[in-house]
Amino acid sequence: MSAAPRGSSGRGGVVDRRGLGVLTASHVVDDLYQGAVPALLPFLVLERGYSYAAATGITLAATVLSSVVQPAFGVLVDRRPLPWLTPVGLLVAGVGIGLAGIGEAYWWTWAAVALSGLGVAAYHPAAARAARAAAGASAQGMSWFAVGGNAGLALGPVVVTPVLLAYGVAGTPLLALPALLTAVILLALGRRARARARPVRAAAGAAPRADDWRSFGWLTGLVVIRSVLYFGISSLVALYVIDRFGVSAAAGSAALTTFLAVGAAGTLAGGWLADRWGRLPAIRLGYAVAVPGVALLVAAPSWPVAVAAAVLLGVGLYLPFSVQTTLGQELLPNRVGTASGVTIGLAVSAGGAATPLFGLLADAHGLQWALAALLPLPLLALLLSLRLPERTASPRAGEQPTAPSGAAAPQR
């Protein structure tokens, strides 16, 4: 399956294939710096003697702080045009990681990683708003943008590890180069698009829809539940398979890789289904598949069955992933940046905050019990989704495909 061609009609509007492609590529680079942090930690522990608690503090700086401020950037994007925020946020994300290794003091590394997290937080609301306009409000188009982020997270260790093996922690400045190059491209394309942009009149008789904060609250609950499920599974599945079935570390990693790889396909499938069946059917199908997925993983009698459960969970947890973001944008049509900041920010922070609790449960009662604690969550998400109204995907009056930096999209 592929994104709609430039100028073709997606559900709710015209799809700007080039703009969406550039934004998706920039999302790969931006989220690469999120994926870089876990890959950086072993080198900090080995070279600088960080304790596990200190290493965990670095992770906290990268994720929780970023997720907390991300909704604030969403509010800013809704209040005034900030076409520069996408490239500048991306650049700051890269510079923060680049600075992380050049100072010996712990506080320096912590602050540099926190700076990177702030850049990631600044990037997402503006980029997601621009991607929505470029996708013509198509859920499938937004799913490509979301897959870009998934790819970036996966590429983080692939990019970071060879550099640090060759140069040590002091080599982190080299990691800022992809961000610098991509930010320059975004700024150049955005400036060119602004020069070509023409005012677009609102469609005659088109009345702006009211923001549905009540339904958005229910959706936020869904985002939190999915985040906890995702982080619980991704953190424990490899350890669980190794511990329960006595398989090698490679076999444990294979279960995790299966979950993530199937998830990338599930994200695209979710967007495709949402454009054809509607957003809520796609979301509900995902959580319906996740219910037996968690149960099968907990009760798996063998490694192959556990891998089959990982397949179900990859489908079930990723079908709703990008669809929940586009639904949030539809529920808050006048606060698209805010909706993006909340849905994307909580997708990281909620699960990241809950993960230590599952670790404590695993230490006390075993990994199987820790995973069993996840059993009610997909069913709860499925029931919660019944409270949500379906919304027709259509851009606001006057909204048009946007420049890669978000410059051409009207913003409030």
Protein backbone atom coordinates (compact mmCIF):
# COMPACT_ATOMS: atom_id res chain seq x y z
CA MET A 1 0.00 0.00 0.00
CA SER A 2 1.22 3.49 -0.69
CA ALA A 3 0.38 7.03 0.08
CA ALA A 4 -1.91 8.80 -2.29
CA PRO A 5 -0.18 10.67 -5.10
CA ARG A 6 0.38 14.39 -4.91
CA GLY A 7 -2.81 16.21 -5.77
CA SER A 8 -4.98 13.12 -5.37
CA SER A 9 -8.02 13.10 -3.16
CA GLY A 10 -7.84 11.40 0.23
CA ARG A 11 -10.68 11.06 2.64
CA GLY A 12 -11.60 14.62 3.51
CA GLY A 13 -9.19 16.52 1.25
CA VAL A 14 -6.29 16.63 -1.21
CA VAL A 15 -3.16 14.68 -0.30
CA ASP A 16 0.16 16.51 -0.76
CA ARG A 17 2.39 13.50 -1.31
CA ARG A 18 5.67 15.42 -1.41
CA GLY A 19 4.91 17.45 1.71
CA LEU A 20 3.78 14.33 3.57
CA GLY A 21 6.89 12.47 2.42
CA VAL A 22 9.21 15.20 3.67
CA LEU A 23 7.41 15.36 7.01
CA THR A 24 7.56 11.57 7.36
CA ALA A 25 11.30 11.60 6.63
CA SER A 26 11.80 14.37 9.20
CA HIS A 27 9.83 12.29 11.72
CA VAL A 28 12.29 9.43 11.17
CA VAL A 29 15.18 11.75 12.02
CA ASP A 30 13.45 13.39 15.00
CA ASP A 31 12.47 10.14 16.70
CA LEU A 32 15.89 8.69 15.97
CA TYR A 33 17.04 10.89 18.85
CA GLN A 34 14.45 9.33 21.15
CA GLY A 35 15.77 5.92 20.16
CA ALA A 36 19.34 7.14 20.67
CA VAL A 37 18.97 7.55 24.44
CA PRO A 38 18.61 3.83 25.34
CA ALA A 39 21.55 3.05 23.06
CA LEU A 40 23.65 5.74 24.76
CA LEU A 41 23.10 4.42 28.30
CA PRO A 42 25.35 1.30 28.18
CA PHE A 43 28.27 3.44 27.02
CA LEU A 44 27.69 5.92 29.84
CA VAL A 45 27.59 3.07 32.36
CA LEU A 46 30.77 1.47 31.00
CA GLU A 47 32.86 4.59 30.33
CA ARG A 48 31.73 6.81 33.18
CA GLY A 49 30.66 4.28 35.78
CA TYR A 50 27.06 5.47 36.04
CA SER A 51 24.89 3.43 38.36
CA TYR A 52 21.67 1.95 37.00
CA ALA A 53 19.76 4.57 38.97
CA ALA A 54 21.78 7.34 37.34
CA ALA A 55 21.21 5.81 33.91
CA THR A 56 17.49 5.65 34.63
CA GLY A 57 17.64 9.36 35.46
CA ILE A 58 18.94 10.06 31.96
CA THR A 59 15.98 8.19 30.50
CA LEU A 60 13.66 10.20 32.72
CA ALA A 61 15.17 13.43 31.42
CA ALA A 62 14.56 12.35 27.83
CA THR A 63 11.00 11.05 28.09
CA VAL A 64 8.96 12.40 30.95
CA LEU A 65 10.07 16.03 30.68
CA SER A 66 9.49 15.97 26.92
CA SER A 67 6.03 14.50 27.27
CA VAL A 68 4.98 16.94 29.99
CA VAL A 69 5.82 20.04 27.95
CA GLN A 70 4.61 18.68 24.61
CA PRO A 71 0.95 19.71 25.17
CA ALA A 72 2.17 23.24 25.96
CA PHE A 73 3.83 23.42 22.55
CA GLY A 74 0.55 22.19 21.08
CA VAL A 75 -1.28 25.12 22.67
CA LEU A 76 1.30 27.54 21.25
CA VAL A 77 0.92 26.08 17.76
CA ASP A 78 -2.85 26.56 17.97
CA ARG A 79 -2.59 30.18 19.10
CA ARG A 80 -0.18 31.55 16.52
CA PRO A 81 1.63 30.48 13.34
CA LEU A 82 5.01 29.01 14.22
CA PRO A 83 6.32 27.65 10.89
CA TRP A 84 9.86 27.47 12.25
CA LEU A 85 9.00 25.23 15.21
CA THR A 86 9.24 21.94 13.30
CA PRO A 87 12.79 22.42 11.93
CA VAL A 88 14.05 24.18 15.07
CA GLY A 89 12.60 21.49 17.33
CA LEU A 90 14.27 18.83 15.20
CA LEU A 91 17.58 20.70 15.32
CA VAL A 92 17.44 21.08 19.11
CA ALA A 93 16.68 17.35 19.47
CA GLY A 94 19.85 16.53 17.56
CA VAL A 95 22.04 19.16 19.21
CA GLY A 96 21.02 17.92 22.67
CA ILE A 97 22.20 14.39 21.92
CA GLY A 98 25.30 15.82 20.27
CA LEU A 99 26.19 17.70 23.45
CA ALA A 100 25.49 14.76 25.78
CA GLY A 101 28.94 13.20 25.51
CA ILE A 102 31.25 16.23 25.53
CA GLY A 103 30.86 17.11 29.21
CA GLU A 104 32.15 14.84 31.98
CA ALA A 105 29.73 15.96 34.69
CA TYR A 106 26.50 14.03 35.18
CA TRP A 107 24.44 17.22 35.31
CA TRP A 108 25.79 18.20 31.88
CA THR A 109 24.72 14.92 30.29
CA TRP A 110 21.35 15.05 32.03
CA ALA A 111 20.72 18.64 30.87
CA ALA A 112 21.82 17.87 27.30
CA VAL A 113 19.48 14.89 27.04
CA ALA A 114 16.68 16.97 28.58
CA LEU A 115 17.36 19.64 25.92
CA SER A 116 17.00 16.96 23.26
CA GLY A 117 13.69 15.95 24.82
CA LEU A 118 12.48 19.55 24.65
CA GLY A 119 13.36 19.62 20.96
CA VAL A 120 11.38 16.44 20.39
CA ALA A 121 8.46 17.99 22.29
CA ALA A 122 8.59 21.14 20.16
CA TYR A 123 8.72 19.15 16.92
CA HIS A 124 5.73 16.85 17.33
CA PRO A 125 2.65 19.13 17.66
CA ALA A 126 3.67 21.41 14.78
CA ALA A 127 4.75 18.51 12.57
CA ALA A 128 1.61 16.47 13.32
CA ARG A 129 -0.59 19.47 12.50
CA ALA A 130 1.28 19.99 9.23
CA ALA A 131 1.09 16.27 8.43
CA ARG A 132 -2.68 16.28 8.95
CA ALA A 133 -3.08 19.11 6.45
CA ALA A 134 -0.68 17.46 3.97
CA ALA A 135 -2.58 14.18 4.33
CA GLY A 136 -5.90 15.88 3.57
CA ALA A 137 -7.16 14.54 6.92
CA SER A 138 -6.58 11.00 5.61
CA ALA A 139 -5.94 8.47 8.36
CA GLN A 140 -3.78 6.46 5.98
CA GLY A 141 -1.63 9.51 5.28
CA MET A 142 -1.20 10.10 9.01
CA SER A 143 -0.29 6.44 9.46
CA TRP A 144 2.70 6.96 7.15
CA PHE A 145 3.78 9.90 9.31
CA ALA A 146 3.43 7.72 12.43
CA VAL A 147 5.46 4.90 10.85
CA GLY A 148 8.23 7.43 10.28
CA GLY A 149 8.42 7.88 14.05
CA ASN A 150 8.43 4.11 14.61
CA ALA A 151 11.27 3.75 12.12
CA GLY A 152 13.25 6.50 13.82
CA LEU A 153 12.95 4.82 17.23
CA ALA A 154 14.18 1.55 15.72
CA LEU A 155 17.06 3.24 13.88
CA GLY A 156 18.34 5.04 16.97
CA PRO A 157 20.47 2.13 18.25
CA VAL A 158 21.52 1.23 14.69
CA VAL A 159 22.96 4.72 14.16
CA VAL A 160 24.31 5.37 17.66
CA THR A 161 26.08 2.10 18.42
CA PRO A 162 28.65 2.10 15.56
CA VAL A 163 29.52 5.76 16.21
CA LEU A 164 30.10 5.24 19.93
CA LEU A 165 31.97 1.98 19.38
CA ALA A 166 34.35 3.87 17.11
CA TYR A 167 34.74 7.13 19.06
CA GLY A 168 33.34 6.49 22.53
CA VAL A 169 30.91 8.80 24.30
CA ALA A 170 32.97 11.77 23.09
CA GLY A 171 31.74 11.00 19.57
CA THR A 172 28.17 12.15 20.24
CA PRO A 173 28.58 15.45 18.29
CA LEU A 174 28.59 13.38 15.10
CA LEU A 175 25.05 12.26 15.93
CA ALA A 176 23.76 15.82 15.50
CA LEU A 177 24.57 15.85 11.77
CA PRO A 178 21.31 14.21 10.54
CA ALA A 179 19.27 16.79 12.46
CA LEU A 180 21.30 19.68 11.07
CA LEU A 181 20.91 18.50 7.48
CA THR A 182 17.19 17.75 7.82
CA ALA A 183 16.45 21.06 9.55
CA VAL A 184 18.16 22.98 6.73
CA ILE A 185 16.07 21.09 4.16
CA LEU A 186 12.84 21.79 6.07
CA LEU A 187 13.62 25.49 6.36
CA ALA A 188 14.48 25.77 2.66
CA LEU A 189 11.34 23.94 1.51
CA GLY A 190 9.18 25.92 3.93
CA ARG A 191 10.52 29.24 2.65
CA ARG A 192 9.90 28.20 -0.95
CA ALA A 193 6.36 27.08 -0.14
CA ARG A 194 5.58 30.37 1.61
CA ALA A 195 6.72 32.26 -1.46
CA ARG A 196 4.25 30.27 -3.60
CA ALA A 197 1.40 30.21 -1.09
CA ARG A 198 -1.82 32.07 -1.88
CA PRO A 199 -4.66 32.88 0.46
CA VAL A 200 -7.41 30.28 0.46
CA ARG A 201 -10.97 31.37 1.06
CA ALA A 202 -13.15 29.46 3.42
CA ALA A 203 -15.72 27.32 1.70
CA ALA A 204 -19.04 29.10 1.36
CA GLY A 205 -21.42 28.21 4.14
CA ALA A 206 -18.87 26.03 5.96
CA ALA A 207 -19.37 26.41 9.69
CA PRO A 208 -16.50 25.56 12.06
CA ARG A 209 -17.20 22.61 14.33
CA ALA A 210 -17.08 22.95 18.09
CA ASP A 211 -14.35 21.19 20.05
CA ASP A 212 -15.63 18.05 21.79
CA TRP A 213 -13.60 18.08 25.00
CA ARG A 214 -15.70 15.40 26.68
CA SER A 215 -15.01 12.85 23.96
CA PHE A 216 -11.39 13.95 23.82
CA GLY A 217 -11.17 13.11 27.52
CA TRP A 218 -12.34 9.55 26.79
CA LEU A 219 -9.82 9.34 23.95
CA THR A 220 -7.06 10.50 26.29
CA GLY A 221 -7.93 7.56 28.54
CA LEU A 222 -7.50 5.24 25.55
CA VAL A 223 -4.12 6.76 24.74
CA VAL A 224 -2.96 6.23 28.34
CA ILE A 225 -4.10 2.59 28.36
CA ARG A 226 -2.42 1.83 25.04
CA SER A 227 0.78 3.49 26.25
CA VAL A 228 0.87 1.35 29.40
CA LEU A 229 0.21 -1.78 27.35
CA TYR A 230 2.89 -0.91 24.81
CA PHE A 231 5.59 -0.14 27.37
CA GLY A 232 4.66 -3.14 29.48
CA ILE A 233 4.91 -5.55 26.55
CA SER A 234 8.00 -4.02 24.96
CA SER A 235 9.87 -3.88 28.29
CA LEU A 236 9.03 -7.40 29.49
CA VAL A 237 8.38 -9.69 26.53
CA ALA A 238 12.02 -10.56 25.75
CA LEU A 239 12.87 -11.16 29.42
CA TYR A 240 9.68 -13.18 29.89
CA VAL A 241 10.39 -15.49 26.94
CA ILE A 242 13.98 -16.08 28.08
CA ASP A 243 13.00 -16.72 31.69
CA ARG A 244 9.98 -18.94 31.08
CA PHE A 245 11.15 -21.08 28.17
CA GLY A 246 14.90 -21.09 28.79
CA VAL A 247 15.68 -19.83 25.29
CA SER A 248 18.66 -17.72 24.25
CA ALA A 249 18.83 -13.94 24.40
CA ALA A 250 18.56 -13.94 20.60
CA ALA A 251 15.26 -15.83 20.80
CA GLY A 252 14.00 -13.35 23.38
CA SER A 253 14.99 -10.46 21.15
CA ALA A 254 13.22 -12.17 18.25
CA ALA A 255 9.93 -12.01 20.15
CA LEU A 256 10.40 -8.28 20.75
CA THR A 257 11.47 -7.68 17.15
CA THR A 258 8.39 -9.54 15.92
CA PHE A 259 6.15 -7.34 18.05
CA LEU A 260 7.75 -4.14 16.74
CA ALA A 261 7.98 -5.22 13.09
CA VAL A 262 4.37 -6.38 12.94
CA GLY A 263 3.49 -3.14 14.69
CA ALA A 264 4.88 -1.06 11.82
CA ALA A 265 2.63 -2.93 9.40
CA GLY A 266 -0.23 -2.61 11.87
CA THR A 267 0.14 1.17 11.93
CA LEU A 268 -0.25 1.37 8.15
CA ALA A 269 -3.13 -1.10 8.22
CA GLY A 270 -4.87 0.98 10.89
CA GLY A 271 -4.79 4.08 8.69
CA TRP A 272 -6.01 2.10 5.69
CA LEU A 273 -8.89 0.58 7.65
CA ALA A 274 -9.82 3.93 9.21
CA ASP A 275 -10.21 5.55 5.80
CA ARG A 276 -12.48 2.72 4.64
CA TRP A 277 -14.40 1.64 7.76
CA GLY A 278 -14.03 4.69 9.96
CA ARG A 279 -11.71 5.51 12.83
CA LEU A 280 -13.64 3.85 15.65
CA PRO A 281 -14.02 0.46 13.94
CA ALA A 282 -10.25 0.41 13.37
CA ILE A 283 -9.56 1.35 17.00
CA ARG A 284 -12.03 -1.20 18.36
CA LEU A 285 -10.70 -3.96 16.13
CA GLY A 286 -7.21 -3.31 17.44
CA TYR A 287 -8.16 -3.62 21.09
CA ALA A 288 -10.37 -6.64 20.34
CA VAL A 289 -7.31 -8.38 18.86
CA ALA A 290 -5.14 -7.31 21.80
CA VAL A 291 -7.43 -9.02 24.34
CA PRO A 292 -6.56 -12.60 23.24
CA GLY A 293 -3.02 -11.44 22.44
CA VAL A 294 -2.21 -10.63 26.07
CA ALA A 295 -3.99 -13.76 27.32
CA LEU A 296 -2.10 -15.98 24.87
CA LEU A 297 1.24 -14.45 25.86
CA VAL A 298 0.62 -15.02 29.58
CA ALA A 299 -0.57 -18.62 29.06
CA ALA A 300 1.84 -19.53 26.23
CA PRO A 301 3.11 -23.11 26.63
CA SER A 302 6.08 -22.65 24.30
CA TRP A 303 8.29 -20.08 22.58
CA PRO A 304 6.52 -20.34 19.18
CA VAL A 305 3.16 -19.66 20.82
CA ALA A 306 4.65 -16.65 22.60
CA VAL A 307 5.88 -15.32 19.25
CA ALA A 308 2.38 -15.84 17.81
CA ALA A 309 1.05 -13.81 20.73
CA ALA A 310 3.58 -11.09 19.89
CA VAL A 311 2.14 -11.00 16.36
CA LEU A 312 -1.39 -10.51 17.72
CA LEU A 313 -0.17 -7.78 20.05
CA GLY A 314 1.73 -6.04 17.26
CA VAL A 315 -1.49 -5.88 15.26
CA GLY A 316 -3.73 -5.07 18.22
CA LEU A 317 -1.70 -2.27 19.78
CA TYR A 318 -0.61 -0.60 16.55
CA LEU A 319 -3.89 -0.59 14.61
CA PRO A 320 -5.16 2.24 16.87
CA PHE A 321 -1.82 4.08 17.09
CA SER A 322 -1.99 6.76 14.40
CA VAL A 323 -5.80 6.56 14.22
CA GLN A 324 -6.11 7.84 17.80
CA THR A 325 -4.04 10.90 16.86
CA THR A 326 -6.21 11.72 13.83
CA LEU A 327 -9.38 11.14 15.87
CA GLY A 328 -8.06 13.53 18.51
CA GLN A 329 -7.52 16.14 15.81
CA GLU A 330 -11.09 15.63 14.63
CA LEU A 331 -12.49 15.92 18.15
CA LEU A 332 -10.61 19.21 18.66
CA PRO A 333 -10.79 20.72 15.14
CA ASN A 334 -9.92 24.17 16.48
CA ARG A 335 -7.06 22.88 18.65
CA VAL A 336 -5.22 20.48 16.34
CA GLY A 337 -1.83 21.27 17.88
CA THR A 338 -3.15 20.70 21.39
CA ALA A 339 -4.75 17.40 20.36
CA SER A 340 -1.49 16.25 18.77
CA GLY A 341 0.58 17.31 21.76
CA VAL A 342 -1.63 15.43 24.21
CA THR A 343 -2.08 12.24 22.20
CA ILE A 344 1.56 11.97 21.15
CA GLY A 345 2.96 13.16 24.49
CA LEU A 346 0.90 10.79 26.62
CA ALA A 347 1.74 7.93 24.27
CA VAL A 348 5.24 8.17 25.76
CA SER A 349 4.89 9.56 29.26
CA ALA A 350 2.05 7.42 30.64
CA GLY A 351 3.62 4.09 29.76
CA GLY A 352 7.10 5.25 30.71
CA ALA A 353 5.87 6.27 34.16
CA ALA A 354 4.07 2.95 34.71
CA THR A 355 6.90 0.67 33.56
CA PRO A 356 8.81 0.74 36.90
CA LEU A 357 5.67 -0.58 38.61
CA PHE A 358 5.70 -3.65 36.38
CA GLY A 359 9.39 -4.06 37.15
CA LEU A 360 8.64 -4.07 40.87
CA LEU A 361 5.86 -6.61 40.34
CA ALA A 362 8.20 -8.81 38.32
CA ASP A 363 10.85 -8.66 41.05
CA ALA A 364 8.30 -9.61 43.69
CA HIS A 365 6.19 -12.23 41.91
CA GLY A 366 7.81 -13.06 38.56
CA LEU A 367 7.52 -11.88 34.97
CA GLN A 368 4.40 -13.93 34.24
CA TRP A 369 2.49 -12.13 36.99
CA ALA A 370 3.76 -8.77 35.76
CA LEU A 371 2.37 -9.51 32.29
CA ALA A 372 -0.84 -10.88 33.80
CA ALA A 373 -1.40 -7.45 35.33
CA LEU A 374 -1.90 -6.18 31.76
CA LEU A 375 -4.80 -8.56 31.07
CA PRO A 376 -7.67 -6.18 31.95
CA LEU A 377 -6.28 -3.23 30.01
CA PRO A 378 -7.20 -4.07 26.38
CA LEU A 379 -10.72 -5.03 27.47
CA LEU A 380 -10.99 -1.75 29.38
CA ALA A 381 -9.79 0.12 26.29
CA LEU A 382 -12.36 -1.67 24.14
CA LEU A 383 -15.16 -0.72 26.52
CA LEU A 384 -13.89 2.86 26.75
CA SER A 385 -13.89 3.19 22.96
CA LEU A 386 -17.66 2.64 23.01
CA ARG A 387 -17.99 6.10 24.58
CA LEU A 388 -16.43 7.79 21.55
CA PRO A 389 -18.42 9.29 18.66
CA GLU A 390 -17.31 8.76 15.09
CA ARG A 391 -16.28 11.99 13.38
CA THR A 392 -16.13 12.62 9.65
CA ALA A 393 -12.63 13.52 8.53
CA SER A 394 -12.70 16.87 6.81
CA PRO A 395 -10.27 19.76 7.03
CA ARG A 396 -11.45 22.97 8.61
CA ALA A 397 -12.65 25.66 6.30
CA GLY A 398 -9.67 27.10 4.52
CA GLU A 399 -7.25 24.36 5.54
CA GLN A 400 -4.99 23.20 2.75
CA PRO A 401 -2.01 20.92 2.25
CA THR A 402 0.91 22.47 4.04
CA ALA A 403 4.55 23.10 3.50
CA PRO A 404 6.93 20.64 5.15
CA SER A 405 7.66 23.07 7.99
CA GLY A 406 3.98 23.80 8.48
CA ALA A 407 4.30 27.27 7.00
CA ALA A 408 1.45 27.09 4.53
CA ALA A 409 -1.15 25.74 6.90
CA PRO A 410 -3.39 28.31 8.52
CA GLN A 411 -2.85 28.21 12.26
CA ARG A 412 -4.60 29.94 15.13
